């Protein structure tokens, strides 16, 4: 029984509730527009509170070893404090709790990286290697984000060159999320254990591409951004070719594997949107107003909801496989995916709807489908985690 994995999932789902509620409020504008602090809270409660706590749970499940419940509790508390610091708008609090969160991320990076080293990098399988290198990119991206918070706390302006914010964001998405998602998808759909040349090429290309995109934005080397994005597309091509058949073979009527399988088309979509956004950044020549806000938000939600929320929802369903399925799981699966697809469509073809009045923009009608489905998913998964008598202990979930 991995009670630490269960705890990490539970804490992540709890913080994700705030993400979903703020997203609904922002889309519908029922309480007026959210301010910058609330928007940053929405962003970081989702990326750190939900996604990274979920990745921690999967890493514990995947690598095994001694129980780390206390480390999970400390991590959840530190993450919650950092999220609250964003809401407060207090720059010194953000710098302090951001630095603590950086130590948390460093701890979990060493857990995964150290576990992989003990197995031997010449032997560790592709899913574990993906998680270890994905968390490596997370450490780099987080260091850039914490630097931004420290500069703000010191009363200094954020420099445009080097572009700390852009490099931070690109490392966390195109580097970290793509790698860990590919690793989780492969582990859940195939059981892991494989270490072929295609898998090694996939991991190496995605890791290098994520670093190159971050460096290109950090140093303003626009000539590097295109090739780096092209490398990412090639890496995702490996994911689609290697895992596409397993994804298509899952049962689409019930179960967690269909959520996992949805990660394959969504990661491909996210990389295409990233390519378009990078091209806009290059063409803008530093004028951010020329970059489509709708495209930017579409990229974020394709990564955070379409890819990672599907993958993590599916992982929790697999983790609690002993629990009985319900009609609510059907509503969650179809509502979440149809909701995010319609939401992305509006963002791409109509625009973001920023500043629009309540229910005066199509975003106000599509986002609630996605948000309410996510809230229902949170409730369903928390009940499964709480009531599950037998936690799946297997290292290869696809084979259990």
Protein backbone atom coordinates (compact mmCIF):
# COMPACT_ATOMS: atom_id res chain seq x y z
CA UNK A 1 0.00 0.00 0.00
CA UNK A 2 1.49 3.35 -1.07
CA UNK A 3 -0.27 5.69 1.33
CA UNK A 4 2.17 8.46 0.38
CA UNK A 5 1.03 8.30 -3.24
CA UNK A 6 -2.58 8.45 -2.11
CA UNK A 7 -1.82 11.48 0.09
CA UNK A 8 -0.04 13.30 -2.75
CA UNK A 9 -3.05 12.75 -5.01
CA UNK A 10 -5.45 13.91 -2.30
CA UNK A 11 -3.53 17.11 -1.56
CA UNK A 12 -3.20 17.84 -5.25
CA UNK A 13 -6.92 17.40 -5.86
CA UNK A 14 -7.70 19.63 -2.88
CA UNK A 15 -5.61 22.50 -4.26
CA UNK A 16 -6.99 21.87 -7.75
CA UNK A 17 -10.42 22.83 -6.40
CA UNK A 18 -9.19 26.40 -6.03
CA UNK A 19 -7.80 26.33 -9.58
CA UNK A 20 -11.14 25.24 -11.03
CA UNK A 21 -13.19 27.75 -9.03
CA UNK A 22 -10.96 30.66 -10.02
CA UNK A 23 -11.06 29.53 -13.64
CA UNK A 24 -14.86 29.47 -13.60
CA UNK A 25 -14.99 32.90 -12.00
CA UNK A 26 -12.59 34.33 -14.58
CA UNK A 27 -14.38 32.82 -17.57
CA UNK A 28 -17.91 33.78 -16.55
CA UNK A 29 -16.95 37.16 -15.04
CA UNK A 30 -19.77 36.73 -12.51
CA UNK A 31 -17.76 38.63 -9.90
CA UNK A 32 -16.00 40.91 -12.31
CA UNK A 33 -12.51 40.44 -13.75
CA UNK A 34 -9.89 38.73 -11.62
CA UNK A 35 -6.89 40.86 -10.72
CA UNK A 36 -3.32 39.89 -11.52
CA UNK A 37 -2.74 38.29 -8.12
CA UNK A 38 -5.81 36.06 -8.49
CA UNK A 39 -4.81 35.07 -12.03
CA UNK A 40 -1.34 34.09 -10.81
CA UNK A 41 -2.99 32.11 -8.00
CA UNK A 42 -5.11 30.31 -10.59
CA UNK A 43 -2.00 29.51 -12.63
CA UNK A 44 0.27 28.33 -9.82
CA UNK A 45 -2.37 26.41 -7.87
CA UNK A 46 -2.85 24.43 -11.06
CA UNK A 47 0.76 23.96 -12.11
CA UNK A 48 2.28 23.41 -8.64
CA UNK A 49 -0.63 22.49 -6.39
CA UNK A 50 -2.32 20.08 -8.77
CA UNK A 51 0.08 18.96 -11.48
CA UNK A 52 3.34 18.78 -9.54
CA UNK A 53 1.73 17.19 -6.46
CA UNK A 54 0.20 14.67 -8.87
CA UNK A 55 3.58 14.02 -10.51
CA UNK A 56 5.09 13.51 -7.04
CA UNK A 57 2.41 10.88 -6.36
CA UNK A 58 3.15 9.09 -9.63
CA UNK A 59 6.92 9.22 -8.99
CA UNK A 60 6.45 7.59 -5.57
CA UNK A 61 4.27 4.92 -7.14
CA UNK A 62 6.67 4.37 -10.02
CA UNK A 63 10.02 4.32 -8.18
CA UNK A 64 8.76 2.74 -4.93
CA UNK A 65 11.01 2.57 -1.89
CA UNK A 66 10.34 3.62 1.69
CA UNK A 67 7.17 5.46 2.68
CA UNK A 68 7.57 9.26 2.37
CA UNK A 69 4.29 10.48 3.84
CA UNK A 70 5.94 13.17 5.95
CA UNK A 71 7.75 14.57 2.90
CA UNK A 72 4.44 14.64 1.03
CA UNK A 73 2.76 16.57 3.86
CA UNK A 74 5.58 19.11 4.02
CA UNK A 75 5.47 19.49 0.24
CA UNK A 76 1.73 20.07 0.24
CA UNK A 77 1.98 22.65 3.04
CA UNK A 78 4.83 24.51 1.29
CA UNK A 79 2.93 24.50 -2.01
CA UNK A 80 -0.27 25.78 -0.38
CA UNK A 81 1.69 28.57 1.34
CA UNK A 82 3.23 29.62 -1.98
CA UNK A 83 -0.19 29.67 -3.64
CA UNK A 84 -1.57 31.86 -0.83
CA UNK A 85 1.44 34.16 -1.21
CA UNK A 86 0.47 34.75 -4.83
CA UNK A 87 -3.08 35.63 -3.76
CA UNK A 88 -1.76 38.08 -1.16
CA UNK A 89 0.26 40.04 -3.69
CA UNK A 90 3.04 40.36 -1.11
CA UNK A 91 6.34 40.15 -2.98
CA UNK A 92 8.54 39.27 0.02
CA UNK A 93 6.14 36.43 0.94
CA UNK A 94 6.31 35.14 -2.64
CA UNK A 95 10.11 35.21 -2.55
CA UNK A 96 10.29 33.42 0.81
CA UNK A 97 7.72 30.72 0.10
CA UNK A 98 8.95 30.42 -3.49
CA UNK A 99 12.42 29.62 -2.18
CA UNK A 100 10.94 27.01 0.16
CA UNK A 101 8.98 25.55 -2.76
CA UNK A 102 12.24 25.42 -4.70
CA UNK A 103 13.73 23.24 -1.98
CA UNK A 104 10.66 20.97 -2.18
CA UNK A 105 11.10 20.58 -5.93
CA UNK A 106 14.82 19.93 -5.46
CA UNK A 107 14.02 17.20 -2.93
CA UNK A 108 11.67 15.36 -5.31
CA UNK A 109 14.09 15.79 -8.20
CA UNK A 110 16.77 14.09 -6.13
CA UNK A 111 14.33 11.35 -5.11
CA UNK A 112 13.62 10.50 -8.78
CA UNK A 113 17.12 11.17 -10.10
CA UNK A 114 18.77 9.32 -7.23
CA UNK A 115 16.44 6.35 -7.66
CA UNK A 116 17.28 6.24 -11.36
CA UNK A 117 21.01 6.39 -10.56
CA UNK A 118 20.71 3.49 -8.14
CA UNK A 119 19.07 1.40 -10.85
CA UNK A 120 21.74 2.59 -13.27
CA UNK A 121 21.13 4.96 -16.17
CA UNK A 122 22.21 2.17 -18.47
CA UNK A 123 19.32 0.03 -17.24
CA UNK A 124 16.48 2.31 -16.07
CA UNK A 125 13.42 2.13 -18.33
CA UNK A 126 11.98 4.94 -20.46
CA UNK A 127 9.14 6.03 -18.12
CA UNK A 128 11.48 6.41 -15.15
CA UNK A 129 14.08 8.19 -17.25
CA UNK A 130 11.37 10.57 -18.51
CA UNK A 131 10.28 11.44 -14.97
CA UNK A 132 13.88 11.96 -13.76
CA UNK A 133 14.82 14.25 -16.66
CA UNK A 134 11.44 16.02 -16.62
CA UNK A 135 11.98 16.93 -12.97
CA UNK A 136 15.48 18.11 -13.90
CA UNK A 137 13.92 20.64 -16.26
CA UNK A 138 11.42 21.57 -13.54
CA UNK A 139 14.31 22.47 -11.21
CA UNK A 140 15.81 24.74 -13.87
CA UNK A 141 12.51 26.41 -14.73
CA UNK A 142 11.61 26.86 -11.05
CA UNK A 143 14.97 28.50 -10.33
CA UNK A 144 14.17 31.10 -13.00
CA UNK A 145 10.69 31.68 -11.55
CA UNK A 146 12.05 32.08 -8.01
CA UNK A 147 14.64 34.56 -9.31
CA UNK A 148 11.77 36.68 -10.66
CA UNK A 149 10.05 36.66 -7.26
CA UNK A 150 13.29 37.63 -5.47
CA UNK A 151 13.85 40.54 -7.86
CA UNK A 152 10.30 41.78 -7.27
CA UNK A 153 10.75 41.45 -3.50
CA UNK A 154 13.88 43.61 -3.76
CA UNK A 155 11.93 46.26 -5.65
CA UNK A 156 13.74 45.69 -8.91
CA UNK A 157 12.12 45.56 -12.33
CA UNK A 158 12.01 42.25 -14.16
CA UNK A 159 14.54 42.48 -17.01
CA UNK A 160 13.36 41.99 -20.55
CA UNK A 161 16.78 40.64 -21.46
CA UNK A 162 17.45 38.05 -20.26
CA UNK A 163 13.77 37.07 -20.47
CA UNK A 164 13.39 35.25 -17.15
CA UNK A 165 9.60 34.96 -17.36
CA UNK A 166 9.53 33.54 -20.89
CA UNK A 167 12.31 31.06 -20.17
CA UNK A 168 10.60 30.02 -16.91
CA UNK A 169 7.28 29.38 -18.67
CA UNK A 170 8.80 27.48 -21.60
CA UNK A 171 10.91 25.24 -19.35
CA UNK A 172 7.87 24.35 -17.25
CA UNK A 173 5.70 23.44 -20.26
CA UNK A 174 7.74 22.41 -23.29
CA UNK A 175 10.41 20.83 -21.10
CA UNK A 176 8.96 19.51 -17.85
CA UNK A 177 5.33 18.73 -18.72
CA UNK A 178 6.01 17.09 -22.08
CA UNK A 179 8.62 14.74 -20.61
CA UNK A 180 6.72 13.67 -17.51
CA UNK A 181 3.48 13.25 -19.45
CA UNK A 182 5.16 11.03 -22.04
CA UNK A 183 6.69 8.95 -19.24
CA UNK A 184 3.40 8.52 -17.37
CA UNK A 185 1.48 7.66 -20.55
CA UNK A 186 4.00 4.98 -21.52
CA UNK A 187 4.09 3.53 -18.00
CA UNK A 188 0.33 3.36 -17.64
CA UNK A 189 -0.41 2.05 -21.13
CA UNK A 190 2.44 -0.44 -21.57
CA UNK A 191 3.65 -1.17 -18.04
CA UNK A 192 7.10 0.24 -18.75
CA UNK A 193 10.20 -1.92 -18.62
CA UNK A 194 11.20 -1.20 -22.20
CA UNK A 195 14.43 0.52 -23.20
CA UNK A 196 14.67 0.57 -26.97
CA UNK A 197 16.51 3.00 -29.20
CA UNK A 198 13.29 4.76 -30.14
CA UNK A 199 12.45 5.43 -26.52
CA UNK A 200 15.94 6.69 -25.71
CA UNK A 201 15.88 8.96 -28.75
CA UNK A 202 12.47 10.27 -27.66
CA UNK A 203 13.67 11.15 -24.16
CA UNK A 204 16.93 12.71 -25.34
CA UNK A 205 15.26 14.84 -28.03
CA UNK A 206 12.50 16.11 -25.71
CA UNK A 207 14.96 16.92 -22.92
CA UNK A 208 17.37 18.79 -25.19
CA UNK A 209 14.53 20.57 -27.00
CA UNK A 210 13.02 21.79 -23.72
CA UNK A 211 16.35 23.23 -22.61
CA UNK A 212 16.99 24.86 -25.99
CA UNK A 213 13.61 26.62 -26.06
CA UNK A 214 14.24 27.99 -22.57
CA UNK A 215 17.74 29.17 -23.51
CA UNK A 216 16.46 30.74 -26.74
CA UNK A 217 13.88 32.82 -24.84
CA UNK A 218 16.20 33.57 -21.93
CA UNK A 219 18.98 34.99 -24.09
CA UNK A 220 16.83 36.27 -26.94
CA UNK A 221 18.45 33.97 -29.50
CA UNK A 222 15.53 33.83 -31.92
CA UNK A 223 17.53 31.73 -34.39
CA UNK A 224 17.54 28.94 -31.80
CA UNK A 225 13.80 28.96 -31.06
CA UNK A 226 12.71 27.48 -34.40
CA UNK A 227 15.07 24.48 -34.39
CA UNK A 228 14.31 23.84 -30.70
CA UNK A 229 10.58 23.74 -31.39
CA UNK A 230 11.18 21.52 -34.42
CA UNK A 231 13.09 19.11 -32.17
CA UNK A 232 10.12 19.05 -29.78
CA UNK A 233 7.80 18.17 -32.66
CA UNK A 234 10.15 15.34 -33.69
CA UNK A 235 10.20 14.07 -30.09
CA UNK A 236 6.41 14.10 -29.93
CA UNK A 237 6.40 12.25 -33.24
CA UNK A 238 8.26 9.46 -31.45
CA UNK A 239 5.61 9.49 -28.70
CA UNK A 240 2.74 9.22 -31.20
CA UNK A 241 4.40 6.44 -33.21
CA UNK A 242 5.54 4.45 -30.18
CA UNK A 243 2.38 4.81 -28.08
CA UNK A 244 -0.34 5.54 -30.62
CA UNK A 245 -1.34 1.92 -31.10
CA UNK A 246 -1.58 1.29 -27.35
CA UNK A 247 -3.64 4.45 -26.94
CA UNK A 248 -6.10 3.45 -29.66
CA UNK A 249 -6.51 -0.03 -28.16
CA UNK A 250 -7.87 1.14 -24.78
CA UNK A 251 -11.50 0.76 -23.78
CA UNK A 252 -13.34 4.02 -24.45
CA UNK A 253 -16.42 2.96 -22.51
CA UNK A 254 -14.92 3.15 -19.00
CA UNK A 255 -11.73 3.11 -16.94
CA UNK A 256 -8.71 5.30 -16.42
CA UNK A 257 -6.78 4.24 -19.51
CA UNK A 258 -8.99 6.30 -21.81
CA UNK A 259 -7.96 9.44 -19.88
CA UNK A 260 -4.33 8.39 -20.29
CA UNK A 261 -4.82 7.73 -24.00
CA UNK A 262 -6.28 11.22 -24.49
CA UNK A 263 -2.90 12.55 -23.47
CA UNK A 264 -1.40 11.42 -26.79
CA UNK A 265 -3.46 13.70 -29.10
CA UNK A 266 -3.40 16.53 -26.58
CA UNK A 267 0.40 16.54 -26.28
CA UNK A 268 0.59 16.60 -30.08
CA UNK A 269 -1.87 19.52 -30.18
CA UNK A 270 0.04 21.39 -27.47
CA UNK A 271 3.32 21.13 -29.37
CA UNK A 272 1.69 22.40 -32.57
CA UNK A 273 0.29 25.39 -30.65
CA UNK A 274 3.71 25.95 -29.10
CA UNK A 275 5.25 26.02 -32.57
CA UNK A 276 2.71 28.65 -33.71
CA UNK A 277 3.29 30.73 -30.58
CA UNK A 278 7.08 30.66 -31.00
CA UNK A 279 6.65 31.82 -34.60
CA UNK A 280 4.50 34.72 -33.38
CA UNK A 281 7.10 35.66 -30.77
CA UNK A 282 9.81 35.71 -33.45
CA UNK A 283 7.67 37.75 -35.84
CA UNK A 284 6.70 40.24 -33.11
CA UNK A 285 10.33 41.38 -32.72
CA UNK A 286 9.79 42.02 -29.02
CA UNK A 287 6.33 43.63 -29.32
CA UNK A 288 4.25 41.33 -27.09
CA UNK A 289 1.02 43.07 -28.15
CA UNK A 290 1.36 41.33 -31.52
CA UNK A 291 1.18 37.88 -29.87
CA UNK A 292 -2.30 36.34 -29.78
CA UNK A 293 -3.62 36.14 -26.21
CA UNK A 294 -6.10 33.51 -27.33
CA UNK A 295 -3.29 31.32 -28.69
CA UNK A 296 -1.30 31.76 -25.48
CA UNK A 297 -4.25 30.71 -23.29
CA UNK A 298 -5.07 27.84 -25.64
CA UNK A 299 -1.52 26.53 -25.29
CA UNK A 300 -1.70 26.75 -21.48
CA UNK A 301 -4.99 24.87 -21.26
CA UNK A 302 -3.98 22.22 -23.77
CA UNK A 303 -0.99 21.45 -21.53
CA UNK A 304 -2.61 21.89 -18.12
CA UNK A 305 -6.09 20.46 -18.74
CA UNK A 306 -6.10 18.48 -21.97
CA UNK A 307 -2.78 16.77 -21.29
CA UNK A 308 -1.90 16.76 -17.59
CA UNK A 309 -5.36 16.68 -16.01
CA UNK A 310 -6.34 13.79 -18.25
CA UNK A 311 -3.13 11.91 -17.49
CA UNK A 312 -3.41 12.47 -13.73
CA UNK A 313 -7.15 11.71 -13.57
CA UNK A 314 -6.44 8.49 -15.43
CA UNK A 315 -3.53 7.62 -13.12
CA UNK A 316 -5.70 8.07 -10.03
CA UNK A 317 -8.41 5.90 -11.56
CA UNK A 318 -5.80 3.22 -12.23
CA UNK A 319 -4.43 3.62 -8.71
CA UNK A 320 -7.89 3.03 -7.23
CA UNK A 321 -8.75 0.24 -9.65
CA UNK A 322 -10.42 -1.77 -6.86
CA UNK A 323 -13.15 0.87 -6.49
CA UNK A 324 -16.40 0.46 -8.42
CA UNK A 325 -16.88 2.77 -11.43
CA UNK A 326 -19.86 5.10 -11.56
CA UNK A 327 -21.95 7.12 -13.99
CA UNK A 328 -20.17 10.25 -12.74
CA UNK A 329 -16.91 9.03 -14.30
CA UNK A 330 -18.60 9.06 -17.71
CA UNK A 331 -19.71 12.66 -17.16
CA UNK A 332 -16.19 13.62 -16.06
CA UNK A 333 -14.47 12.02 -19.06
CA UNK A 334 -16.77 13.34 -21.77
CA UNK A 335 -17.46 16.68 -20.09
CA UNK A 336 -13.78 17.41 -19.46
CA UNK A 337 -12.62 16.53 -22.96
CA UNK A 338 -15.49 18.01 -24.93
CA UNK A 339 -15.32 21.04 -22.68
CA UNK A 340 -11.61 21.65 -23.18
CA UNK A 341 -11.84 21.09 -26.95
CA UNK A 342 -14.68 23.60 -27.31
CA UNK A 343 -12.85 26.02 -25.02
CA UNK A 344 -9.66 25.76 -27.10
CA UNK A 345 -11.67 26.26 -30.27
CA UNK A 346 -13.15 29.51 -28.95
CA UNK A 347 -9.76 30.77 -27.79
CA UNK A 348 -8.17 30.06 -31.16
CA UNK A 349 -10.92 31.30 -33.48
CA UNK A 350 -12.74 33.96 -31.43
CA UNK A 351 -10.20 35.14 -28.85
CA UNK A 352 -9.58 35.02 -25.12
CA UNK A 353 -12.54 37.15 -24.05
CA UNK A 354 -10.41 39.13 -21.57
CA UNK A 355 -12.38 42.13 -20.31
CA UNK A 356 -15.71 40.88 -21.67
CA UNK A 357 -18.80 41.21 -19.49
CA UNK A 358 -20.46 38.19 -17.90
CA UNK A 359 -21.74 35.72 -20.51
CA UNK A 360 -21.11 38.14 -23.37
CA UNK A 361 -18.36 35.98 -24.92
CA UNK A 362 -18.38 32.31 -26.04
CA UNK A 363 -15.66 31.56 -23.45
CA UNK A 364 -18.28 32.12 -20.75
CA UNK A 365 -20.30 29.18 -22.13
CA UNK A 366 -17.55 26.71 -22.97
CA UNK A 367 -15.27 27.12 -19.93
CA UNK A 368 -17.99 26.09 -17.41
CA UNK A 369 -18.35 22.70 -19.15
CA UNK A 370 -14.65 22.08 -18.60
CA UNK A 371 -14.55 23.61 -15.11
CA UNK A 372 -17.64 21.89 -13.72
CA UNK A 373 -16.46 18.55 -15.13
CA UNK A 374 -13.12 19.08 -13.39
CA UNK A 375 -14.89 19.84 -10.09
CA UNK A 376 -17.01 16.69 -10.43
CA UNK A 377 -13.83 14.75 -11.20
CA UNK A 378 -12.18 16.12 -8.07
CA UNK A 379 -15.13 14.96 -5.94
CA UNK A 380 -15.28 11.51 -7.56
CA UNK A 381 -11.55 10.88 -7.27
CA UNK A 382 -11.32 12.10 -3.68
CA UNK A 383 -14.11 9.68 -2.72
CA UNK A 384 -12.34 6.84 -4.55
CA UNK A 385 -9.06 7.61 -2.82
CA UNK A 386 -10.70 7.88 0.58
CA UNK A 387 -12.75 4.72 0.21
CA UNK A 388 -10.26 2.51 -1.59
CA UNK A 389 -9.42 -0.46 0.64
CA UNK A 390 -6.61 -1.81 -1.54
CA UNK A 391 -4.15 0.52 -3.22
CA UNK A 392 -2.62 -0.95 -6.36
CA UNK A 393 1.03 -1.66 -5.46
CA UNK A 394 2.24 -2.86 -8.84
CA UNK A 395 5.20 -1.22 -10.56
CA UNK A 396 3.70 -2.00 -13.98
CA UNK A 397 0.05 -0.87 -13.87
CA UNK A 398 -0.75 -1.94 -17.43
CA UNK A 399 0.06 -5.54 -16.51
CA UNK A 400 -2.02 -5.75 -13.32
